[in-house]
């Protein structure tokens, strides 16, 4: 929490930018130098939801057929381990298409079950897509062929990664470049849960009989479209499933949908009510018991289990998550259902009042 937040606890928390957004901005600056032979003090990018933040360059460098720019990550009022980290992008010609590489401080994927293949730089799909779009746009602007190698580095990234779950996930050598929206929403348990409660209050005041709590932007989009729900029905649950469901128990509505990726919903199915990766983890031994397959205890992620077992596993997760949700709601009269999705927004399973 920032000093400003400590001095004024009622001040709205300041949002920040993901490592993926910073890497994209650095890539745009470096490419503008490589292809346009110009440096700018600031660089603007477009995020997946249309926001257009401006980033200030911290360092720059260039030579024959290469350019590199770096940005200091601002995570806002979120106590992110990467807040203040120097994130750089080096661009140079490739043998074809856009190639991503891990520089110093960025990890390499060594285990299956993640959205990036084994052996690849730990740069997640959305940041890759953002950088792909920047390359395509600038190639068109400068009349270049979009054959570029992008190497992302994070200063002291290997040390910072030791404070994350990357080593357990098999990401070695540094951090992951993350982000689905480009925005870091400030993490304050009390403030976030209070905002969830106010969302329930508003929904009830407007007479809504169906609300939804989702773990992220993709699941929110899927659930809202699935049930054609208004914006006021979409409660910003995030990781705080317990904060939402316990409040609904005392302030019920007719129906609640809980949506999320298979990893987060799997943790809910195992009894976790705070789904943050730093405070709860998937129990693969329990999954092995559910499936009657001891091999599953050696899996790396819930997604990897799904890739091995398919719909059967997703159905088990959805059904067991529904049981946990109903136990938290008790006899308040709120009907519940579960929607489990993959990273692309495909529905893997549903359970409950569907």
Protein backbone atom coordinates (compact mmCIF):
# COMPACT_ATOMS: atom_id res chain seq x y z
CA UNK A 1 0.00 0.00 0.00
CA UNK A 2 1.36 3.43 -0.89
CA UNK A 3 2.11 6.17 1.63
CA UNK A 4 -0.75 8.20 0.18
CA UNK A 5 -3.15 5.34 0.77
CA UNK A 6 -1.94 4.96 4.36
CA UNK A 7 -2.53 8.66 5.02
CA UNK A 8 -5.97 8.63 3.42
CA UNK A 9 -7.54 5.16 3.71
CA UNK A 10 -10.74 6.39 2.05
CA UNK A 11 -8.94 7.42 -1.13
CA UNK A 12 -9.77 5.23 -4.13
CA UNK A 13 -6.92 2.81 -4.78
CA UNK A 14 -4.75 3.75 -7.75
CA UNK A 15 -4.58 1.20 -10.54
CA UNK A 16 -1.36 0.23 -12.27
CA UNK A 17 -0.10 -1.57 -15.37
CA UNK A 18 0.80 -5.21 -15.93
CA UNK A 19 4.19 -6.49 -16.98
CA UNK A 20 2.58 -7.33 -20.33
CA UNK A 21 1.46 -3.73 -20.87
CA UNK A 22 4.92 -2.42 -19.97
CA UNK A 23 6.60 -4.92 -22.30
CA UNK A 24 4.25 -3.89 -25.12
CA UNK A 25 4.99 -0.20 -24.64
CA UNK A 26 8.74 -0.88 -24.56
CA UNK A 27 8.40 -2.95 -27.74
CA UNK A 28 6.55 -0.13 -29.51
CA UNK A 29 9.22 2.40 -28.53
CA UNK A 30 12.07 0.15 -29.63
CA UNK A 31 10.42 -0.66 -32.96
CA UNK A 32 9.74 3.02 -33.62
CA UNK A 33 13.47 3.60 -33.27
CA UNK A 34 14.46 0.55 -35.33
CA UNK A 35 12.11 1.29 -38.22
CA UNK A 36 11.54 5.03 -37.88
CA UNK A 37 14.92 6.08 -36.44
CA UNK A 38 13.32 8.20 -33.74
CA UNK A 39 13.00 8.00 -29.97
CA UNK A 40 10.06 9.50 -28.14
CA UNK A 41 10.02 10.37 -24.44
CA UNK A 42 6.60 8.77 -24.02
CA UNK A 43 4.78 5.96 -25.79
CA UNK A 44 1.06 5.22 -25.93
CA UNK A 45 -0.47 1.78 -26.44
CA UNK A 46 -4.00 0.44 -26.72
CA UNK A 47 -5.03 -2.19 -24.18
CA UNK A 48 -7.45 -5.07 -24.89
CA UNK A 49 -10.41 -3.11 -23.49
CA UNK A 50 -9.57 0.06 -25.38
CA UNK A 51 -7.73 2.06 -22.71
CA UNK A 52 -4.79 4.08 -24.06
CA UNK A 53 -2.21 4.59 -21.29
CA UNK A 54 1.00 6.52 -21.84
CA UNK A 55 4.33 5.19 -20.59
CA UNK A 56 7.56 7.12 -20.02
CA UNK A 57 10.76 5.53 -21.22
CA UNK A 58 13.35 4.87 -18.53
CA UNK A 59 16.29 3.81 -20.71
CA UNK A 60 17.00 3.41 -24.42
CA UNK A 61 19.72 1.97 -26.59
CA UNK A 62 20.27 1.11 -30.24
CA UNK A 63 22.82 -0.16 -32.73
CA UNK A 64 23.04 -1.74 -36.13
CA UNK A 65 19.79 -3.66 -36.66
CA UNK A 66 18.65 -3.49 -33.05
CA UNK A 67 16.96 -1.17 -30.59
CA UNK A 68 16.02 -1.54 -26.94
CA UNK A 69 13.76 0.43 -24.61
CA UNK A 70 12.83 -0.03 -20.98
CA UNK A 71 9.97 1.08 -18.74
CA UNK A 72 9.66 1.08 -14.96
CA UNK A 73 6.54 -0.81 -13.96
CA UNK A 74 4.01 1.12 -11.90
CA UNK A 75 1.62 -1.29 -10.16
CA UNK A 76 -0.38 1.53 -8.59
CA UNK A 77 -1.48 0.77 -5.03
CA UNK A 78 -1.16 -2.96 -5.54
CA UNK A 79 1.63 -4.59 -3.48
CA UNK A 80 2.92 -6.36 -6.57
CA UNK A 81 6.40 -7.87 -6.35
CA UNK A 82 7.17 -6.39 -9.76
CA UNK A 83 6.27 -2.81 -8.79
CA UNK A 84 9.23 -0.65 -9.74
CA UNK A 85 10.83 -3.34 -11.88
CA UNK A 86 12.65 -2.28 -15.04
CA UNK A 87 11.06 -4.09 -17.99
CA UNK A 88 12.87 -3.89 -21.32
CA UNK A 89 12.24 -4.99 -24.87
CA UNK A 90 14.97 -5.51 -27.46
CA UNK A 91 13.91 -5.80 -31.10
CA UNK A 92 15.94 -7.09 -34.03
CA UNK A 93 15.24 -8.83 -37.34
CA UNK A 94 14.11 -12.45 -37.24
CA UNK A 95 14.15 -15.19 -39.85
CA UNK A 96 10.40 -14.93 -40.22
CA UNK A 97 7.30 -13.70 -38.39
CA UNK A 98 7.32 -12.46 -34.79
CA UNK A 99 9.54 -14.44 -32.43
CA UNK A 100 9.49 -14.04 -28.65
CA UNK A 101 12.51 -14.70 -26.48
CA UNK A 102 13.29 -14.62 -22.78
CA UNK A 103 16.02 -12.20 -21.82
CA UNK A 104 17.60 -11.85 -18.40
CA UNK A 105 15.03 -12.16 -15.64
CA UNK A 106 12.24 -13.70 -17.75
CA UNK A 107 11.49 -17.36 -17.14
CA UNK A 108 11.33 -20.38 -19.42
CA UNK A 109 8.43 -22.83 -19.23
CA UNK A 110 9.66 -26.31 -18.27
CA UNK A 111 6.43 -28.12 -17.34
CA UNK A 112 3.23 -28.76 -19.32
CA UNK A 113 -0.16 -27.43 -18.28
CA UNK A 114 0.52 -23.73 -18.82
CA UNK A 115 -0.84 -21.66 -21.74
CA UNK A 116 2.69 -21.46 -23.18
CA UNK A 117 4.45 -24.53 -24.53
CA UNK A 118 7.40 -26.14 -22.77
CA UNK A 119 10.66 -24.52 -23.83
CA UNK A 120 9.04 -21.17 -24.64
CA UNK A 121 9.62 -17.83 -22.95
CA UNK A 122 7.10 -17.28 -20.14
CA UNK A 123 5.30 -14.51 -21.98
CA UNK A 124 1.57 -15.16 -21.73
CA UNK A 125 -0.86 -15.19 -24.68
CA UNK A 126 -2.44 -11.75 -24.21
CA UNK A 127 0.87 -9.86 -23.92
CA UNK A 128 2.07 -11.76 -27.00
CA UNK A 129 -1.06 -10.72 -28.87
CA UNK A 130 -0.60 -7.10 -27.80
CA UNK A 131 2.97 -7.09 -29.06
CA UNK A 132 1.91 -8.83 -32.28
CA UNK A 133 -0.57 -6.01 -32.89
CA UNK A 134 2.08 -3.37 -32.29
CA UNK A 135 4.45 -5.06 -34.74
CA UNK A 136 1.74 -5.32 -37.40
CA UNK A 137 0.68 -1.70 -37.00
CA UNK A 138 4.21 -0.30 -37.13
CA UNK A 139 5.21 -2.57 -40.03
CA UNK A 140 2.30 -1.12 -41.98
CA UNK A 141 3.17 2.44 -40.95
CA UNK A 142 6.84 2.16 -41.92
CA UNK A 143 6.44 -0.20 -44.88
CA UNK A 144 8.39 -3.03 -43.23
CA UNK A 145 8.03 -6.80 -43.18
CA UNK A 146 6.89 -7.87 -39.67
CA UNK A 147 9.76 -10.29 -39.14
CA UNK A 148 10.95 -9.31 -35.69
CA UNK A 149 12.50 -11.02 -32.70
CA UNK A 150 11.34 -9.50 -29.40
CA UNK A 151 13.43 -10.24 -26.32
CA UNK A 152 11.84 -9.23 -23.03
CA UNK A 153 13.97 -8.80 -19.91
CA UNK A 154 13.23 -7.85 -16.30
CA UNK A 155 15.97 -6.42 -14.13
CA UNK A 156 16.43 -8.67 -11.06
CA UNK A 157 13.63 -10.85 -12.39
CA UNK A 158 15.18 -14.11 -11.18
CA UNK A 159 15.27 -12.82 -7.62
CA UNK A 160 11.74 -11.43 -7.84
CA UNK A 161 10.47 -14.74 -9.20
CA UNK A 162 11.50 -16.46 -5.98
CA UNK A 163 8.67 -14.52 -4.29
CA UNK A 164 6.09 -15.96 -6.70
CA UNK A 165 4.72 -19.42 -7.51
CA UNK A 166 6.77 -19.62 -10.71
CA UNK A 167 9.27 -22.19 -9.38
CA UNK A 168 6.45 -24.57 -8.39
CA UNK A 169 4.84 -24.13 -11.80
CA UNK A 170 8.07 -25.03 -13.54
CA UNK A 171 8.90 -21.55 -14.79
CA UNK A 172 12.64 -21.25 -14.28
CA UNK A 173 15.05 -18.38 -14.57
CA UNK A 174 12.74 -15.48 -13.91
CA UNK A 175 9.29 -13.95 -13.99
CA UNK A 176 6.33 -14.42 -16.27
CA UNK A 177 5.11 -11.56 -18.45
CA UNK A 178 1.45 -11.43 -17.51
CA UNK A 179 -1.83 -9.61 -17.97
CA UNK A 180 -5.20 -10.14 -19.62
CA UNK A 181 -6.43 -6.54 -19.55
CA UNK A 182 -3.12 -4.69 -19.19
CA UNK A 183 -4.36 -3.15 -15.96
CA UNK A 184 -3.38 -4.06 -12.40
CA UNK A 185 -6.40 -3.60 -10.19
CA UNK A 186 -5.16 -2.55 -6.74
CA UNK A 187 -5.33 -5.32 -4.21
CA UNK A 188 -6.76 -4.41 -0.83
CA UNK A 189 -8.86 -7.13 0.76
CA UNK A 190 -11.00 -4.74 2.77
CA UNK A 191 -11.51 -2.26 -0.06
CA UNK A 192 -12.25 -4.91 -2.68
CA UNK A 193 -14.67 -6.85 -0.51
CA UNK A 194 -16.40 -3.60 0.43
CA UNK A 195 -16.88 -2.87 -3.28
CA UNK A 196 -18.37 -6.36 -3.76
CA UNK A 197 -20.84 -5.66 -0.95
CA UNK A 198 -21.82 -2.33 -2.50
CA UNK A 199 -22.36 -4.11 -5.80
CA UNK A 200 -24.77 -6.54 -4.14
CA UNK A 201 -26.56 -3.63 -2.48
CA UNK A 202 -27.00 -1.85 -5.81
CA UNK A 203 -28.24 -4.99 -7.55
CA UNK A 204 -30.80 -5.61 -4.82
CA UNK A 205 -31.92 -1.97 -4.83
CA UNK A 206 -32.54 -2.19 -8.56
CA UNK A 207 -34.59 -5.33 -8.11
CA UNK A 208 -32.24 -7.65 -10.01
CA UNK A 209 -32.99 -11.31 -9.38
CA UNK A 210 -29.83 -12.74 -11.00
CA UNK A 211 -26.26 -11.62 -10.27
CA UNK A 212 -22.88 -13.08 -11.17
CA UNK A 213 -19.45 -13.19 -9.58
CA UNK A 214 -16.53 -14.04 -11.84
CA UNK A 215 -12.82 -14.52 -11.29
CA UNK A 216 -11.64 -12.44 -14.24
CA UNK A 217 -12.47 -10.49 -17.36
CA UNK A 218 -12.88 -13.47 -19.69
CA UNK A 219 -15.26 -15.39 -17.43
CA UNK A 220 -17.21 -12.18 -16.78
CA UNK A 221 -17.68 -11.65 -20.50
CA UNK A 222 -18.78 -15.26 -21.04
CA UNK A 223 -21.24 -15.31 -18.15
CA UNK A 224 -22.72 -11.92 -18.98
CA UNK A 225 -23.29 -12.99 -22.59
CA UNK A 226 -24.59 -16.43 -21.59
CA UNK A 227 -27.37 -14.98 -19.44
CA UNK A 228 -27.71 -11.55 -21.07
CA UNK A 229 -27.11 -9.88 -17.70
CA UNK A 230 -26.95 -6.09 -17.26
CA UNK A 231 -23.77 -4.42 -16.04
CA UNK A 232 -25.24 -3.90 -12.57
CA UNK A 233 -25.57 -7.66 -12.18
CA UNK A 234 -21.86 -8.26 -12.71
CA UNK A 235 -20.23 -8.22 -9.28
CA UNK A 236 -16.47 -7.69 -9.27
CA UNK A 237 -15.73 -10.86 -7.31
CA UNK A 238 -12.17 -11.56 -8.47
CA UNK A 239 -10.52 -13.91 -6.00
CA UNK A 240 -12.91 -13.13 -3.15
CA UNK A 241 -15.54 -15.84 -3.55
CA UNK A 242 -16.06 -16.00 0.19
CA UNK A 243 -16.53 -12.24 0.46
CA UNK A 244 -19.33 -12.38 -2.11
CA UNK A 245 -21.10 -15.54 -1.00
CA UNK A 246 -21.09 -14.74 2.70
CA UNK A 247 -22.62 -11.34 1.99
CA UNK A 248 -25.24 -12.88 -0.28
CA UNK A 249 -26.13 -15.27 2.55
CA UNK A 250 -27.23 -12.26 4.59
CA UNK A 251 -28.46 -10.18 1.64
CA UNK A 252 -29.85 -12.76 -0.78
CA UNK A 253 -30.98 -12.49 -4.37
CA UNK A 254 -32.88 -15.17 -6.24
CA UNK A 255 -29.91 -16.47 -8.22
CA UNK A 256 -26.13 -16.19 -8.42
CA UNK A 257 -23.77 -17.51 -11.08
CA UNK A 258 -20.13 -18.11 -10.22
CA UNK A 259 -17.85 -18.19 -13.25
CA UNK A 260 -14.14 -18.67 -13.72
CA UNK A 261 -11.26 -20.57 -15.21
CA UNK A 262 -10.78 -24.18 -14.30
CA UNK A 263 -7.84 -23.46 -11.99
CA UNK A 264 -9.68 -20.96 -9.79
CA UNK A 265 -12.92 -22.94 -9.78
CA UNK A 266 -10.94 -26.06 -8.89
CA UNK A 267 -9.64 -24.31 -5.79
CA UNK A 268 -13.20 -23.30 -4.93
CA UNK A 269 -14.29 -26.90 -5.39
CA UNK A 270 -11.69 -27.91 -2.81
CA UNK A 271 -13.01 -25.47 -0.25
CA UNK A 272 -10.89 -22.35 -0.84
CA UNK A 273 -12.83 -19.11 -0.57
CA UNK A 274 -9.87 -16.81 -1.35
CA UNK A 275 -8.73 -17.88 -4.80
CA UNK A 276 -5.58 -15.75 -5.05
CA UNK A 277 -2.53 -17.76 -6.08
CA UNK A 278 -0.60 -16.48 -3.07
CA UNK A 279 -3.18 -17.73 -0.57
CA UNK A 280 -4.58 -20.97 -1.98
CA UNK A 281 -3.31 -23.74 -4.21
CA UNK A 282 -4.83 -26.69 -6.08
CA UNK A 283 -4.52 -29.97 -4.15
CA UNK A 284 -3.45 -32.46 -6.81
CA UNK A 285 -3.49 -35.34 -4.36
CA UNK A 286 -7.18 -34.74 -3.82
CA UNK A 287 -7.75 -34.54 -7.56
CA UNK A 288 -6.03 -37.90 -7.96
CA UNK A 289 -8.48 -39.35 -5.44
CA UNK A 290 -11.47 -37.81 -7.22
CA UNK A 291 -10.38 -39.29 -10.53
CA UNK A 292 -9.02 -42.59 -9.18
CA UNK A 293 -5.77 -41.94 -11.01
CA UNK A 294 -2.59 -41.56 -8.95
CA UNK A 295 -0.79 -39.99 -11.92
CA UNK A 296 -2.82 -36.85 -11.46
CA UNK A 297 -1.00 -36.08 -8.21
CA UNK A 298 2.04 -35.24 -10.35
CA UNK A 299 0.25 -32.74 -12.55
CA UNK A 300 1.36 -29.12 -12.62
CA UNK A 301 -1.90 -27.21 -13.14
CA UNK A 302 -5.63 -27.90 -13.20
CA UNK A 303 -5.53 -27.15 -16.91
CA UNK A 304 -3.05 -29.97 -17.38
CA UNK A 305 -5.41 -32.34 -15.56
CA UNK A 306 -8.21 -31.21 -17.88
CA UNK A 307 -6.01 -31.83 -20.91
CA UNK A 308 -5.52 -35.39 -19.66
CA UNK A 309 -9.07 -36.14 -18.48
CA UNK A 310 -11.25 -33.80 -20.46
CA UNK A 311 -14.91 -33.09 -19.72
CA UNK A 312 -15.05 -35.65 -16.90
CA UNK A 313 -12.68 -33.57 -14.79
CA UNK A 314 -14.38 -30.28 -15.62
CA UNK A 315 -17.75 -31.76 -14.61
CA UNK A 316 -16.34 -32.95 -11.28
CA UNK A 317 -14.88 -29.50 -10.60
CA UNK A 318 -18.16 -27.76 -11.46
CA UNK A 319 -20.27 -30.11 -9.32
CA UNK A 320 -17.97 -29.93 -6.31
CA UNK A 321 -17.68 -26.13 -6.63
CA UNK A 322 -21.48 -25.96 -6.61
CA UNK A 323 -21.54 -27.94 -3.35
CA UNK A 324 -19.09 -25.48 -1.77
CA UNK A 325 -21.09 -22.48 -2.97
CA UNK A 326 -24.34 -23.92 -1.65
CA UNK A 327 -22.71 -24.61 1.72
CA UNK A 328 -21.58 -20.99 1.94
CA UNK A 329 -25.01 -19.70 0.95
CA UNK A 330 -26.67 -22.10 3.41
CA UNK A 331 -30.47 -21.77 3.40
CA UNK A 332 -30.69 -18.11 2.33
CA UNK A 333 -32.88 -18.96 -0.67
CA UNK A 334 -30.35 -18.04 -3.37
CA UNK A 335 -30.09 -20.58 -6.19
CA UNK A 336 -26.60 -21.06 -7.59
CA UNK A 337 -24.88 -22.30 -10.72
CA UNK A 338 -21.28 -22.68 -11.84
CA UNK A 339 -19.71 -21.90 -15.22
CA UNK A 340 -16.19 -23.23 -15.87
CA UNK A 341 -14.28 -21.83 -18.84
CA UNK A 342 -10.90 -22.18 -20.49
CA UNK A 343 -8.52 -19.31 -21.24
CA UNK A 344 -10.17 -18.66 -24.61
CA UNK A 345 -13.61 -18.33 -23.05
CA UNK A 346 -14.94 -21.72 -24.11
CA UNK A 347 -17.34 -23.24 -21.60
CA UNK A 348 -15.89 -26.48 -20.23
CA UNK A 349 -18.69 -27.38 -17.84
CA UNK A 350 -21.72 -26.04 -15.99
CA UNK A 351 -23.49 -27.17 -12.85
CA UNK A 352 -26.53 -26.14 -10.87
CA UNK A 353 -29.52 -24.13 -11.95
CA UNK A 354 -28.78 -24.08 -15.68
